[in-house]
Structure formats: C-alpha cells, structure tokens
Amino acid sequence: MNVELLAASLQRRARVYMRDGSYEQAWESAREALKYGDLSRDPIKGKCYQIAGEITGYMANGQPAMQQQSLEYFDKAASIAQHGDHRPDGSFFKTDVPSVYIEKAELLIRFGRYRDALTALGVARRRLPAEQNRWKVNLLMAEATAYTAQKKVGPASYAIKEAHDLIVSMQLPKKLERLQALYHQLQEIAPEQESVQELHALFSTTTL
C-alpha cells in the first residue's frame, strides 16, 4: 500500500519498456504510474508526469489530441519542477527544469513544431547547470535538429560544432553518429557554405 513505491516502480518500468522500444507497454505503465504519482510527493510526481509526456508523445503518431495530451503532461512536470517542494523523499528522483524542457523540445521537433521547440530549449539553456554536460549535449543536438529542419545552416552548424567537441571529449559514439547524420543533411542543403565546409574538415579527422 506504499503509493510512492508503486509510482516510482511503475515509472522506472515505463522507462525500461521505452528504452526497449516497447511503447505500448511503456504507455500502460506510465498511465498507471500517474494514478499513484498524484498521491506522491513532488520529486516522484514530477517524474511520473515527465515520463507520461514523453511516452504519450512517442505514441501520438500524428494524432493532435495525443500530442496535446503529451504537452500537457510536460507542462504539469514543468510546473512541479519550477514551483514544487523538492526536499529529498528517499526516492533519489529529481524533476528539474532543463530535463523537462529538453525532452519536451525533442517531442515538439517530432511534431514539426520547430519554433516552439527552440523556445523550450531556450528555457532549458537558461536553467542548465554548467556541470551538466550530458544534458548540454542533448540540448545542442536538439537545437541542431530543429535548425537543420528549418534549413538554418549557420545556427545548425554552430550547434553541431559545439556538440561535437563535448561528444568527443565524453566518448559518446552513438551520439556522434546522430550528429554526423545532421552534418550530412547540411551538406545536402548547402555544401558550399563555409560553416558546412568547416564541419567537413572537423568530421574528417574525428575518431572515437
């Protein structure tokens, strides 16, 4: 009958399912977690809304109602992150502003709402602690994706360059592959642009 333990367990199960690509099971676990999350303290409650928003967004598949529901879950998580009681509750969960807004931005990109995504990333950037390099990589990659989709070559190139340096220093090969895919898109859009040629020189000497 420990609602916080149930909420935390279901939230973690939902994330495991999502990482495995089992989105239906993840969605069911996330929705069930919300029932207990609403009865929990803010650190767990915020994470339950955050995972529900993320998974609902992946399940939306062009469905406006589900997309809206996803963003409402993220808005709830953001409100908890900004105004909630974050005293430790023993769960080691933390609902923080940067992670909420970066994940929200990633879904807005999936929805084709690039300007809204960049606005969300601006909020995340202002609240991102200097030592959180992993979140900074995610932020920069989301910025690069949004700018590339809008064919804004200069800003996209700058974000790719900044992300590249962090990824190489942190030895993250999978993220480097995703970054190279964005760079190749820029090559197709504007191969002669100076910033794209600089990326060519950069990636041609990159090894992990």
N, C-alpha and C. Protein backbone atom coordinates (compact mmCIF):
# COMPACT_ATOMS: atom_id res chain seq x y z
N MET A 1 0.82 -1.22 0.00
CA MET A 1 0.00 0.00 0.00
C MET A 1 0.85 1.27 0.00
N ASN A 2 2.12 1.16 -0.36
CA ASN A 2 3.00 2.32 -0.41
C ASN A 2 2.87 2.96 -1.80
N VAL A 3 2.09 4.05 -1.88
CA VAL A 3 1.80 4.64 -3.19
C VAL A 3 3.06 5.19 -3.85
N GLU A 4 3.99 5.73 -3.07
CA GLU A 4 5.20 6.28 -3.66
C GLU A 4 6.10 5.19 -4.24
N LEU A 5 6.17 4.05 -3.56
CA LEU A 5 6.95 2.94 -4.09
C LEU A 5 6.31 2.41 -5.37
N LEU A 6 4.99 2.34 -5.40
CA LEU A 6 4.29 1.90 -6.61
C LEU A 6 4.53 2.88 -7.75
N ALA A 7 4.41 4.17 -7.47
CA ALA A 7 4.62 5.18 -8.52
C ALA A 7 6.04 5.12 -9.06
N ALA A 8 7.02 5.03 -8.16
CA ALA A 8 8.41 5.00 -8.58
C ALA A 8 8.71 3.74 -9.39
N SER A 9 8.18 2.62 -8.96
CA SER A 9 8.43 1.36 -9.67
C SER A 9 7.80 1.37 -11.05
N LEU A 10 6.58 1.85 -11.15
CA LEU A 10 5.91 1.90 -12.45
C LEU A 10 6.58 2.90 -13.39
N GLN A 11 7.07 4.01 -12.83
CA GLN A 11 7.78 4.99 -13.65
C GLN A 11 9.05 4.37 -14.23
N ARG A 12 9.78 3.65 -13.40
CA ARG A 12 11.02 3.02 -13.87
C ARG A 12 10.71 1.92 -14.89
N ARG A 13 9.63 1.18 -14.64
CA ARG A 13 9.26 0.13 -15.59
C ARG A 13 8.89 0.74 -16.94
N ALA A 14 8.18 1.85 -16.91
CA ALA A 14 7.81 2.53 -18.15
C ALA A 14 9.06 2.94 -18.93
N ARG A 15 10.07 3.46 -18.23
CA ARG A 15 11.29 3.90 -18.92
C ARG A 15 12.05 2.71 -19.50
N VAL A 16 12.07 1.59 -18.79
CA VAL A 16 12.74 0.39 -19.31
C VAL A 16 12.03 -0.08 -20.59
N TYR A 17 10.70 -0.12 -20.55
CA TYR A 17 9.94 -0.52 -21.75
C TYR A 17 10.23 0.42 -22.90
N MET A 18 10.30 1.73 -22.61
CA MET A 18 10.52 2.70 -23.67
C MET A 18 11.91 2.52 -24.29
N ARG A 19 12.92 2.30 -23.47
CA ARG A 19 14.28 2.10 -23.99
C ARG A 19 14.36 0.83 -24.83
N ASP A 20 13.47 -0.13 -24.52
CA ASP A 20 13.43 -1.39 -25.27
C ASP A 20 12.59 -1.27 -26.54
N GLY A 21 11.94 -0.10 -26.71
CA GLY A 21 11.09 0.10 -27.88
C GLY A 21 9.70 -0.48 -27.73
N SER A 22 9.35 -0.91 -26.52
CA SER A 22 8.01 -1.48 -26.26
C SER A 22 7.08 -0.36 -25.80
N TYR A 23 6.65 0.46 -26.75
CA TYR A 23 5.94 1.69 -26.38
C TYR A 23 4.55 1.45 -25.82
N GLU A 24 3.85 0.44 -26.28
CA GLU A 24 2.51 0.16 -25.74
C GLU A 24 2.61 -0.18 -24.26
N GLN A 25 3.55 -1.08 -23.92
CA GLN A 25 3.72 -1.44 -22.51
C GLN A 25 4.20 -0.26 -21.69
N ALA A 26 5.09 0.54 -22.29
CA ALA A 26 5.58 1.74 -21.60
C ALA A 26 4.44 2.70 -21.32
N TRP A 27 3.57 2.87 -22.29
CA TRP A 27 2.43 3.79 -22.14
C TRP A 27 1.51 3.32 -21.03
N GLU A 28 1.22 2.02 -21.01
CA GLU A 28 0.35 1.47 -19.96
C GLU A 28 0.97 1.68 -18.58
N SER A 29 2.27 1.42 -18.45
CA SER A 29 2.94 1.61 -17.16
C SER A 29 2.95 3.07 -16.74
N ALA A 30 3.20 3.97 -17.70
CA ALA A 30 3.24 5.40 -17.39
C ALA A 30 1.87 5.91 -16.94
N ARG A 31 0.82 5.47 -17.61
CA ARG A 31 -0.53 5.91 -17.22
C ARG A 31 -0.89 5.38 -15.84
N GLU A 32 -0.48 4.14 -15.56
CA GLU A 32 -0.75 3.58 -14.23
C GLU A 32 0.06 4.31 -13.17
N ALA A 33 1.30 4.68 -13.51
CA ALA A 33 2.15 5.41 -12.56
C ALA A 33 1.53 6.73 -12.16
N LEU A 34 0.83 7.37 -13.09
CA LEU A 34 0.21 8.67 -12.77
C LEU A 34 -0.82 8.55 -11.66
N LYS A 35 -1.54 7.44 -11.60
CA LYS A 35 -2.55 7.27 -10.55
C LYS A 35 -1.93 7.37 -9.17
N TYR A 36 -0.74 6.76 -9.03
CA TYR A 36 -0.05 6.80 -7.74
C TYR A 36 0.83 8.03 -7.62
N GLY A 37 1.30 8.55 -8.76
CA GLY A 37 2.12 9.75 -8.73
C GLY A 37 1.38 10.94 -8.17
N ASP A 38 0.09 11.03 -8.49
CA ASP A 38 -0.70 12.16 -7.98
C ASP A 38 -0.86 12.12 -6.46
N LEU A 39 -0.64 10.95 -5.86
CA LEU A 39 -0.73 10.81 -4.41
C LEU A 39 0.65 10.87 -3.75
N SER A 40 1.69 11.12 -4.56
CA SER A 40 3.06 11.11 -4.06
C SER A 40 3.59 12.53 -3.88
N ARG A 41 4.76 12.62 -3.26
CA ARG A 41 5.43 13.91 -3.12
C ARG A 41 6.01 14.35 -4.46
N ASP A 42 6.38 15.61 -4.53
CA ASP A 42 6.70 16.23 -5.82
C ASP A 42 7.85 15.58 -6.60
N PRO A 43 8.95 15.12 -5.98
CA PRO A 43 10.01 14.52 -6.80
C PRO A 43 9.52 13.34 -7.63
N ILE A 44 8.71 12.47 -7.05
CA ILE A 44 8.18 11.33 -7.80
C ILE A 44 7.06 11.78 -8.73
N LYS A 45 6.18 12.63 -8.22
CA LYS A 45 5.04 13.08 -9.04
C LYS A 45 5.52 13.74 -10.33
N GLY A 46 6.53 14.60 -10.23
CA GLY A 46 7.04 15.28 -11.42
C GLY A 46 7.59 14.31 -12.44
N LYS A 47 8.33 13.29 -11.97
CA LYS A 47 8.90 12.32 -12.89
C LYS A 47 7.82 11.47 -13.55
N CYS A 48 6.74 11.20 -12.84
CA CYS A 48 5.63 10.44 -13.43
C CYS A 48 5.00 11.23 -14.58
N TYR A 49 4.82 12.53 -14.39
CA TYR A 49 4.27 13.35 -15.47
C TYR A 49 5.25 13.48 -16.63
N GLN A 50 6.53 13.57 -16.30
CA GLN A 50 7.54 13.71 -17.35
C GLN A 50 7.59 12.46 -18.24
N ILE A 51 7.60 11.28 -17.64
CA ILE A 51 7.66 10.05 -18.45
C ILE A 51 6.35 9.86 -19.20
N ALA A 52 5.23 10.25 -18.60
CA ALA A 52 3.95 10.15 -19.30
C ALA A 52 3.92 11.05 -20.52
N GLY A 53 4.48 12.25 -20.39
CA GLY A 53 4.54 13.15 -21.53
C GLY A 53 5.42 12.62 -22.64
N GLU A 54 6.56 12.06 -22.26
CA GLU A 54 7.49 11.55 -23.26
C GLU A 54 6.88 10.38 -24.03
N ILE A 55 6.32 9.42 -23.31
CA ILE A 55 5.80 8.22 -23.97
C ILE A 55 4.55 8.55 -24.77
N THR A 56 3.67 9.39 -24.23
CA THR A 56 2.47 9.78 -24.99
C THR A 56 2.86 10.45 -26.29
N GLY A 57 3.92 11.26 -26.25
CA GLY A 57 4.40 11.91 -27.47
C GLY A 57 4.87 10.91 -28.50
N TYR A 58 5.57 9.87 -28.06
CA TYR A 58 6.03 8.84 -28.98
C TYR A 58 4.86 8.04 -29.55
N MET A 59 3.79 7.92 -28.78
CA MET A 59 2.63 7.16 -29.22
C MET A 59 1.69 7.98 -30.11
N ALA A 60 1.90 9.29 -30.17
CA ALA A 60 0.92 10.18 -30.82
C ALA A 60 0.77 9.89 -32.32
N ASN A 61 1.89 9.68 -33.02
CA ASN A 61 1.83 9.31 -34.45
C ASN A 61 0.89 10.20 -35.27
N GLY A 62 1.10 11.50 -35.15
CA GLY A 62 0.29 12.43 -35.94
C GLY A 62 -1.09 12.69 -35.40
N GLN A 63 -1.39 12.21 -34.22
CA GLN A 63 -2.71 12.42 -33.61
C GLN A 63 -2.69 13.69 -32.76
N PRO A 64 -3.35 14.76 -33.19
CA PRO A 64 -3.27 16.04 -32.47
C PRO A 64 -3.71 15.94 -31.02
N ALA A 65 -4.74 15.14 -30.73
CA ALA A 65 -5.22 15.06 -29.36
C ALA A 65 -4.16 14.45 -28.44
N MET A 66 -3.49 13.41 -28.92
CA MET A 66 -2.45 12.80 -28.10
C MET A 66 -1.22 13.70 -27.99
N GLN A 67 -0.92 14.42 -29.06
CA GLN A 67 0.18 15.37 -28.99
C GLN A 67 -0.10 16.42 -27.92
N GLN A 68 -1.32 16.92 -27.90
CA GLN A 68 -1.70 17.93 -26.91
C GLN A 68 -1.64 17.36 -25.50
N GLN A 69 -2.10 16.11 -25.34
CA GLN A 69 -2.03 15.47 -24.02
C GLN A 69 -0.59 15.33 -23.56
N SER A 70 0.31 14.98 -24.49
CA SER A 70 1.72 14.87 -24.16
C SER A 70 2.27 16.19 -23.64
N LEU A 71 1.95 17.28 -24.33
CA LEU A 71 2.47 18.59 -23.93
C LEU A 71 1.86 19.04 -22.60
N GLU A 72 0.62 18.65 -22.34
CA GLU A 72 0.00 18.99 -21.06
C GLU A 72 0.70 18.25 -19.91
N TYR A 73 1.08 17.01 -20.15
CA TYR A 73 1.84 16.28 -19.13
C TYR A 73 3.17 16.99 -18.86
N PHE A 74 3.83 17.43 -19.92
CA PHE A 74 5.10 18.14 -19.74
C PHE A 74 4.89 19.47 -19.02
N ASP A 75 3.81 20.16 -19.31
CA ASP A 75 3.53 21.42 -18.61
C ASP A 75 3.34 21.18 -17.12
N LYS A 76 2.68 20.07 -16.78
CA LYS A 76 2.50 19.72 -15.37
C LYS A 76 3.85 19.43 -14.73
N ALA A 77 4.68 18.65 -15.42
CA ALA A 77 6.02 18.35 -14.90
C ALA A 77 6.84 19.63 -14.74
N ALA A 78 6.74 20.54 -15.70
CA ALA A 78 7.48 21.80 -15.63
C ALA A 78 7.03 22.65 -14.45
N SER A 79 5.72 22.67 -14.20
CA SER A 79 5.20 23.42 -13.05
C SER A 79 5.74 22.87 -11.74
N ILE A 80 5.80 21.54 -11.65
CA ILE A 80 6.34 20.92 -10.44
C ILE A 80 7.83 21.23 -10.32
N ALA A 81 8.55 21.17 -11.45
CA ALA A 81 9.98 21.47 -11.43
C ALA A 81 10.26 22.89 -10.97
N GLN A 82 9.40 23.82 -11.36
CA GLN A 82 9.64 25.23 -11.06
C GLN A 82 9.10 25.64 -9.70
N HIS A 83 8.00 25.03 -9.26
CA HIS A 83 7.32 25.53 -8.06
C HIS A 83 7.11 24.47 -6.99
N GLY A 84 7.54 23.24 -7.23
CA GLY A 84 7.26 22.16 -6.29
C GLY A 84 8.18 22.14 -5.09
N ASP A 85 7.88 21.23 -4.19
CA ASP A 85 8.69 21.00 -2.99
C ASP A 85 9.69 19.90 -3.32
N HIS A 86 10.96 20.26 -3.40
CA HIS A 86 11.98 19.31 -3.86
C HIS A 86 12.87 18.80 -2.73
N ARG A 87 12.34 18.82 -1.53
CA ARG A 87 13.09 18.21 -0.43
C ARG A 87 13.21 16.71 -0.70
N PRO A 88 14.36 16.10 -0.40
CA PRO A 88 14.56 14.67 -0.68
C PRO A 88 13.48 13.82 -0.04
N ASP A 89 12.96 12.87 -0.82
CA ASP A 89 11.90 11.99 -0.32
C ASP A 89 12.36 10.54 -0.21
N GLY A 90 13.67 10.30 -0.44
CA GLY A 90 14.20 8.95 -0.36
C GLY A 90 14.16 8.19 -1.67
N SER A 91 13.57 8.78 -2.71
CA SER A 91 13.43 8.07 -3.99
C SER A 91 14.62 8.32 -4.92
N PHE A 92 15.41 9.36 -4.65
CA PHE A 92 16.50 9.81 -5.50
C PHE A 92 16.01 10.32 -6.85
N PHE A 93 14.71 10.60 -6.98
CA PHE A 93 14.17 11.22 -8.18
C PHE A 93 14.32 12.73 -8.05
N LYS A 94 14.46 13.37 -9.19
CA LYS A 94 14.52 14.83 -9.21
C LYS A 94 13.89 15.32 -10.50
N THR A 95 12.90 16.16 -10.37
CA THR A 95 12.26 16.77 -11.54
C THR A 95 12.88 18.14 -11.73
N ASP A 96 13.73 18.28 -12.75
CA ASP A 96 14.45 19.54 -12.94
C ASP A 96 14.03 20.20 -14.25
N VAL A 97 14.12 21.51 -14.27
CA VAL A 97 13.65 22.29 -15.41
C VAL A 97 14.37 21.92 -16.71
N PRO A 98 15.71 21.84 -16.74
CA PRO A 98 16.36 21.55 -18.03
C PRO A 98 15.91 20.24 -18.67
N SER A 99 15.85 19.16 -17.88
CA SER A 99 15.48 17.88 -18.49
C SER A 99 14.05 17.89 -19.01
N VAL A 100 13.15 18.53 -18.27
CA VAL A 100 11.75 18.59 -18.72
C VAL A 100 11.65 19.34 -20.05
N TYR A 101 12.31 20.47 -20.14
CA TYR A 101 12.17 21.29 -21.35
C TYR A 101 12.94 20.71 -22.54
N ILE A 102 14.06 20.03 -22.28
CA ILE A 102 14.77 19.40 -23.39
C ILE A 102 13.95 18.25 -23.96
N GLU A 103 13.39 17.42 -23.08
CA GLU A 103 12.56 16.31 -23.57
C GLU A 103 11.29 16.83 -24.26
N LYS A 104 10.73 17.90 -23.73
CA LYS A 104 9.56 18.50 -24.39
C LYS A 104 9.95 19.00 -25.77
N ALA A 105 11.10 19.64 -25.88
CA ALA A 105 11.56 20.16 -27.17
C ALA A 105 11.77 19.04 -28.17
N GLU A 106 12.33 17.92 -27.71
CA GLU A 106 12.55 16.79 -28.61
C GLU A 106 11.25 16.28 -29.21
N LEU A 107 10.18 16.30 -28.40
CA LEU A 107 8.89 15.88 -28.93
C LEU A 107 8.29 16.94 -29.85
N LEU A 108 8.46 18.20 -29.52
CA LEU A 108 7.98 19.26 -30.40
C LEU A 108 8.65 19.16 -31.78
N ILE A 109 9.90 18.76 -31.80
CA ILE A 109 10.59 18.53 -33.08
C ILE A 109 9.92 17.39 -33.83
N ARG A 110 9.60 16.30 -33.12
CA ARG A 110 8.88 15.19 -33.75
C ARG A 110 7.54 15.64 -34.31
N PHE A 111 6.91 16.61 -33.64
CA PHE A 111 5.61 17.11 -34.09
C PHE A 111 5.75 18.14 -35.21
N GLY A 112 6.99 18.50 -35.56
CA GLY A 112 7.21 19.50 -36.61
C GLY A 112 7.06 20.93 -36.13
N ARG A 113 7.05 21.14 -34.82
CA ARG A 113 6.87 22.48 -34.26
C ARG A 113 8.24 23.02 -33.83
N TYR A 114 9.02 23.42 -34.82
CA TYR A 114 10.43 23.74 -34.58
C TYR A 114 10.61 25.03 -33.79
N ARG A 115 9.82 26.03 -34.07
CA ARG A 115 9.97 27.28 -33.32
C ARG A 115 9.63 27.07 -31.84
N ASP A 116 8.55 26.33 -31.58
CA ASP A 116 8.19 26.04 -30.19
C ASP A 116 9.28 25.22 -29.51
N ALA A 117 9.89 24.31 -30.26
CA ALA A 117 10.98 23.51 -29.71
C ALA A 117 12.15 24.39 -29.30
N LEU A 118 12.52 25.34 -30.15
CA LEU A 118 13.63 26.22 -29.84
C LEU A 118 13.32 27.14 -28.66
N THR A 119 12.06 27.52 -28.52
CA THR A 119 11.66 28.30 -27.34
C THR A 119 11.85 27.48 -26.07
N ALA A 120 11.42 26.21 -26.11
CA ALA A 120 11.60 25.33 -24.95
C ALA A 120 13.08 25.13 -24.65
N LEU A 121 13.89 24.99 -25.68
CA LEU A 121 15.33 24.81 -25.47
C LEU A 121 15.96 26.07 -24.88
N GLY A 122 15.42 27.22 -25.22
CA GLY A 122 15.92 28.47 -24.62
C GLY A 122 15.69 28.49 -23.13
N VAL A 123 14.53 27.98 -22.67
CA VAL A 123 14.26 27.88 -21.23
C VAL A 123 15.25 26.93 -20.58
N ALA A 124 15.45 25.78 -21.23
CA ALA A 124 16.39 24.79 -20.68
C ALA A 124 17.80 25.35 -20.59
N ARG A 125 18.23 26.07 -21.61
CA ARG A 125 19.59 26.62 -21.62
C ARG A 125 19.80 27.60 -20.47
N ARG A 126 18.80 28.42 -20.19
CA ARG A 126 18.93 29.41 -19.12
C ARG A 126 19.03 28.76 -17.74
N ARG A 127 18.51 27.56 -17.60
CA ARG A 127 18.49 26.90 -16.29
C ARG A 127 19.48 25.73 -16.19
N LEU A 128 20.28 25.53 -17.23
CA LEU A 128 21.16 24.38 -17.26
C LEU A 128 22.42 24.63 -16.42
N PRO A 129 22.69 23.80 -15.41
CA PRO A 129 23.92 23.98 -14.63
C PRO A 129 25.16 23.76 -15.50
N ALA A 130 26.21 24.48 -15.22
CA ALA A 130 27.41 24.42 -16.05
C ALA A 130 28.02 23.03 -16.10
N GLU A 131 27.86 22.25 -15.03
CA GLU A 131 28.49 20.93 -14.98
C GLU A 131 27.67 19.83 -15.66
N GLN A 132 26.48 20.13 -16.10
CA GLN A 132 25.60 19.12 -16.70
C GLN A 132 25.89 18.95 -18.19
N ASN A 133 27.05 18.39 -18.50
CA ASN A 133 27.45 18.29 -19.91
C ASN A 133 26.61 17.30 -20.70
N ARG A 134 26.11 16.24 -20.07
CA ARG A 134 25.28 15.29 -20.81
C ARG A 134 23.98 15.94 -21.26
N TRP A 135 23.37 16.72 -20.39
CA TRP A 135 22.16 17.43 -20.79
C TRP A 135 22.48 18.50 -21.83
N LYS A 136 23.67 19.10 -21.71
CA LYS A 136 24.05 20.11 -22.70
C LYS A 136 24.20 19.48 -24.08
N VAL A 137 24.74 18.26 -24.15
CA VAL A 137 24.83 17.56 -25.43
C VAL A 137 23.44 17.35 -26.01
N ASN A 138 22.50 16.89 -25.17
CA ASN A 138 21.13 16.67 -25.66
C ASN A 138 20.51 17.97 -26.14
N LEU A 139 20.75 19.04 -25.41
CA LEU A 139 20.22 20.35 -25.79
C LEU A 139 20.77 20.78 -27.14
N LEU A 140 22.09 20.69 -27.29
CA LEU A 140 22.72 21.13 -28.54
C LEU A 140 22.27 20.28 -29.73
N MET A 141 22.11 18.98 -29.52
CA MET A 141 21.67 18.12 -30.60
C MET A 141 20.23 18.44 -31.00
N ALA A 142 19.40 18.76 -30.01
CA ALA A 142 18.03 19.15 -30.33
C ALA A 142 18.01 20.48 -31.08
N GLU A 143 18.84 21.43 -30.65
CA GLU A 143 18.93 22.70 -31.38
C GLU A 143 19.38 22.46 -32.82
N ALA A 144 20.41 21.64 -32.99
CA ALA A 144 20.92 21.36 -34.34
C ALA A 144 19.85 20.72 -35.21
N THR A 145 19.07 19.81 -34.62
CA THR A 145 18.00 19.14 -35.37
C THR A 145 16.93 20.14 -35.81
N ALA A 146 16.52 21.01 -34.89
CA ALA A 146 15.47 21.99 -35.21
C ALA A 146 15.96 22.98 -36.27
N TYR A 147 17.18 23.46 -36.13
CA TYR A 147 17.71 24.41 -37.12
C TYR A 147 17.90 23.74 -38.49
N THR A 148 18.37 22.50 -38.49
CA THR A 148 18.56 21.79 -39.76
C THR A 148 17.23 21.59 -40.46
N ALA A 149 16.21 21.23 -39.70
CA ALA A 149 14.88 21.03 -40.30
C ALA A 149 14.35 22.31 -40.94
N GLN A 150 14.75 23.46 -40.39
CA GLN A 150 14.34 24.76 -40.95
C GLN A 150 15.33 25.29 -41.98
N LYS A 151 16.37 24.50 -42.27
CA LYS A 151 17.42 24.87 -43.22
C LYS A 151 18.15 26.14 -42.80
N LYS A 152 18.29 26.32 -41.51
CA LYS A 152 19.07 27.43 -40.97
C LYS A 152 20.49 26.91 -40.75
N VAL A 153 21.28 27.01 -41.80
CA VAL A 153 22.56 26.31 -41.84
C VAL A 153 23.56 26.86 -40.82
N GLY A 154 23.64 28.16 -40.70
CA GLY A 154 24.60 28.75 -39.77
C GLY A 154 24.38 28.33 -38.32
N PRO A 155 23.18 28.57 -37.77
CA PRO A 155 22.93 28.14 -36.39
C PRO A 155 23.06 26.64 -36.20
N ALA A 156 22.62 25.86 -37.19
CA ALA A 156 22.75 24.40 -37.09
C ALA A 156 24.21 23.99 -37.03
N SER A 157 25.04 24.60 -37.87
CA SER A 157 26.47 24.28 -37.89
C SER A 157 27.13 24.61 -36.55
N TYR A 158 26.76 25.75 -35.99
CA TYR A 158 27.34 26.16 -34.71
C TYR A 158 26.98 25.17 -33.62
N ALA A 159 25.69 24.74 -33.58
CA ALA A 159 25.26 23.79 -32.56
C ALA A 159 25.96 22.44 -32.74
N ILE A 160 26.11 22.01 -34.00
CA ILE A 160 26.80 20.75 -34.27
C ILE A 160 28.25 20.81 -33.81
N LYS A 161 28.92 21.91 -34.11
CA LYS A 161 30.33 22.06 -33.70
C LYS A 161 30.47 22.00 -32.18
N GLU A 162 29.60 22.71 -31.47
CA GLU A 162 29.69 22.73 -30.01
C GLU A 162 29.38 21.35 -29.44
N ALA A 163 28.37 20.68 -29.99
CA ALA A 163 28.03 19.34 -29.52
C ALA A 163 29.15 18.36 -29.83
N HIS A 164 29.75 18.50 -31.01
CA HIS A 164 30.84 17.60 -31.42
C HIS A 164 31.97 17.60 -30.40
N ASP A 165 32.38 18.79 -29.97
CA ASP A 165 33.51 18.88 -29.05
C ASP A 165 33.20 18.18 -27.73
N LEU A 166 31.97 18.34 -27.23
CA LEU A 166 31.58 17.68 -25.99
C LEU A 166 31.49 16.17 -26.17
N ILE A 167 30.89 15.74 -27.27
CA ILE A 167 30.72 14.32 -27.53
C ILE A 167 32.06 13.60 -27.64
N VAL A 168 33.01 14.22 -28.31
CA VAL A 168 34.33 13.61 -28.46
C VAL A 168 35.03 13.54 -27.10
N SER A 169 34.93 14.60 -26.33
CA SER A 169 35.61 14.61 -25.02
C SER A 169 34.98 13.60 -24.07
N MET A 170 33.67 13.32 -24.25
CA MET A 170 32.96 12.38 -23.37
C MET A 170 32.91 10.96 -23.95
N GLN A 171 33.44 10.78 -25.18
CA GLN A 171 33.48 9.46 -25.81
C GLN A 171 32.08 8.85 -25.92
N LEU A 172 31.23 9.47 -26.72
CA LEU A 172 29.84 9.02 -26.91
C LEU A 172 29.62 8.67 -28.38
N PRO A 173 30.00 7.48 -28.81
CA PRO A 173 29.96 7.14 -30.24
C PRO A 173 28.57 7.16 -30.87
N LYS A 174 27.55 6.71 -30.15
CA LYS A 174 26.20 6.70 -30.72
C LYS A 174 25.70 8.12 -31.00
N LYS A 175 26.00 9.02 -30.08
CA LYS A 175 25.59 10.41 -30.29
C LYS A 175 26.39 11.04 -31.43
N LEU A 176 27.64 10.62 -31.58
CA LEU A 176 28.44 11.13 -32.68
C LEU A 176 27.83 10.69 -34.02
N GLU A 177 27.32 9.47 -34.09
CA GLU A 177 26.67 9.00 -35.32
C GLU A 177 25.46 9.86 -35.65
N ARG A 178 24.66 10.18 -34.66
CA ARG A 178 23.49 11.03 -34.89
C ARG A 178 23.91 12.42 -35.34
N LEU A 179 25.00 12.92 -34.74
CA LEU A 179 25.48 14.24 -35.12
C LEU A 179 26.00 14.25 -36.56
N GLN A 180 26.68 13.19 -36.95
CA GLN A 180 27.17 13.09 -38.32
C GLN A 180 26.02 13.05 -39.32
N ALA A 181 24.91 12.42 -38.94
CA ALA A 181 23.74 12.38 -39.82
C ALA A 181 23.19 13.79 -40.05
N LEU A 182 23.20 14.61 -39.02
CA LEU A 182 22.76 16.00 -39.17
C LEU A 182 23.73 16.76 -40.08
N TYR A 183 25.01 16.54 -39.88
CA TYR A 183 26.02 17.20 -40.73
C TYR A 183 25.82 16.82 -42.20
N HIS A 184 25.52 15.56 -42.48
CA HIS A 184 25.29 15.13 -43.86
C HIS A 184 24.05 15.80 -44.46
N GLN A 185 23.06 16.05 -43.63
CA GLN A 185 21.87 16.80 -44.11
C GLN A 185 22.27 18.21 -44.52
N LEU A 186 23.12 18.84 -43.71
CA LEU A 186 23.58 20.19 -44.05
C LEU A 186 24.40 20.18 -45.34
N GLN A 187 25.17 19.12 -45.55
CA GLN A 187 25.93 19.00 -46.79
C GLN A 187 25.00 19.00 -48.00
N GLU A 188 23.86 18.35 -47.88
CA GLU A 188 22.90 18.31 -48.98
C GLU A 188 22.22 19.65 -49.18
N ILE A 189 22.02 20.39 -48.08
CA ILE A 189 21.32 21.68 -48.16
C ILE A 189 22.23 22.77 -48.72
N ALA A 190 23.46 22.86 -48.20
CA ALA A 190 24.35 23.97 -48.58
C ALA A 190 25.80 23.52 -48.56
N PRO A 191 26.20 22.67 -49.51
CA PRO A 191 27.56 22.11 -49.49
C PRO A 191 28.67 23.16 -49.60
N GLU A 192 28.37 24.30 -50.23
CA GLU A 192 29.42 25.30 -50.45
C GLU A 192 29.53 26.31 -49.32
N GLN A 193 28.60 26.26 -48.38
CA GLN A 193 28.63 27.26 -47.30
C GLN A 193 29.85 27.02 -46.40
N GLU A 194 30.47 28.10 -45.98
CA GLU A 194 31.73 27.99 -45.23
C GLU A 194 31.57 27.18 -43.95
N SER A 195 30.48 27.40 -43.23
CA SER A 195 30.30 26.68 -41.97
C SER A 195 30.18 25.18 -42.20
N VAL A 196 29.59 24.77 -43.33
CA VAL A 196 29.46 23.34 -43.64
C VAL A 196 30.81 22.77 -44.03
N GLN A 197 31.60 23.53 -44.74
CA GLN A 197 32.94 23.07 -45.10
C GLN A 197 33.83 22.93 -43.86
N GLU A 198 33.62 23.81 -42.89
CA GLU A 198 34.36 23.69 -41.64
C GLU A 198 33.97 22.41 -40.91
N LEU A 199 32.69 22.05 -40.97
CA LEU A 199 32.26 20.79 -40.36
C LEU A 199 32.87 19.60 -41.09
N HIS A 200 33.00 19.71 -42.41
CA HIS A 200 33.62 18.64 -43.18
C HIS A 200 35.05 18.40 -42.69
N ALA A 201 35.79 19.47 -42.50
CA ALA A 201 37.16 19.34 -42.01
C ALA A 201 37.19 18.76 -40.59
N LEU A 202 36.21 19.13 -39.81
CA LEU A 202 36.13 18.66 -38.43
C LEU A 202 35.86 17.15 -38.39
N PHE A 203 34.82 16.71 -39.10
CA PHE A 203 34.42 15.30 -39.04
C PHE A 203 35.42 14.39 -39.76
N SER A 204 36.12 14.92 -40.73
CA SER A 204 37.06 14.08 -41.46
C SER A 204 38.26 13.65 -40.60
N THR A 205 38.48 14.34 -39.50
CA THR A 205 39.59 13.99 -38.60
C THR A 205 39.12 13.44 -37.27
N THR A 206 37.80 13.20 -37.14
CA THR A 206 37.25 12.74 -35.86
C THR A 206 37.31 11.23 -35.74
N THR A 207 37.82 10.76 -34.63
CA THR A 207 37.81 9.34 -34.32
C THR A 207 37.46 9.15 -32.85
N LEU A 208 36.73 8.06 -32.57
CA LEU A 208 36.43 7.71 -31.18
C LEU A 208 36.94 6.30 -30.90
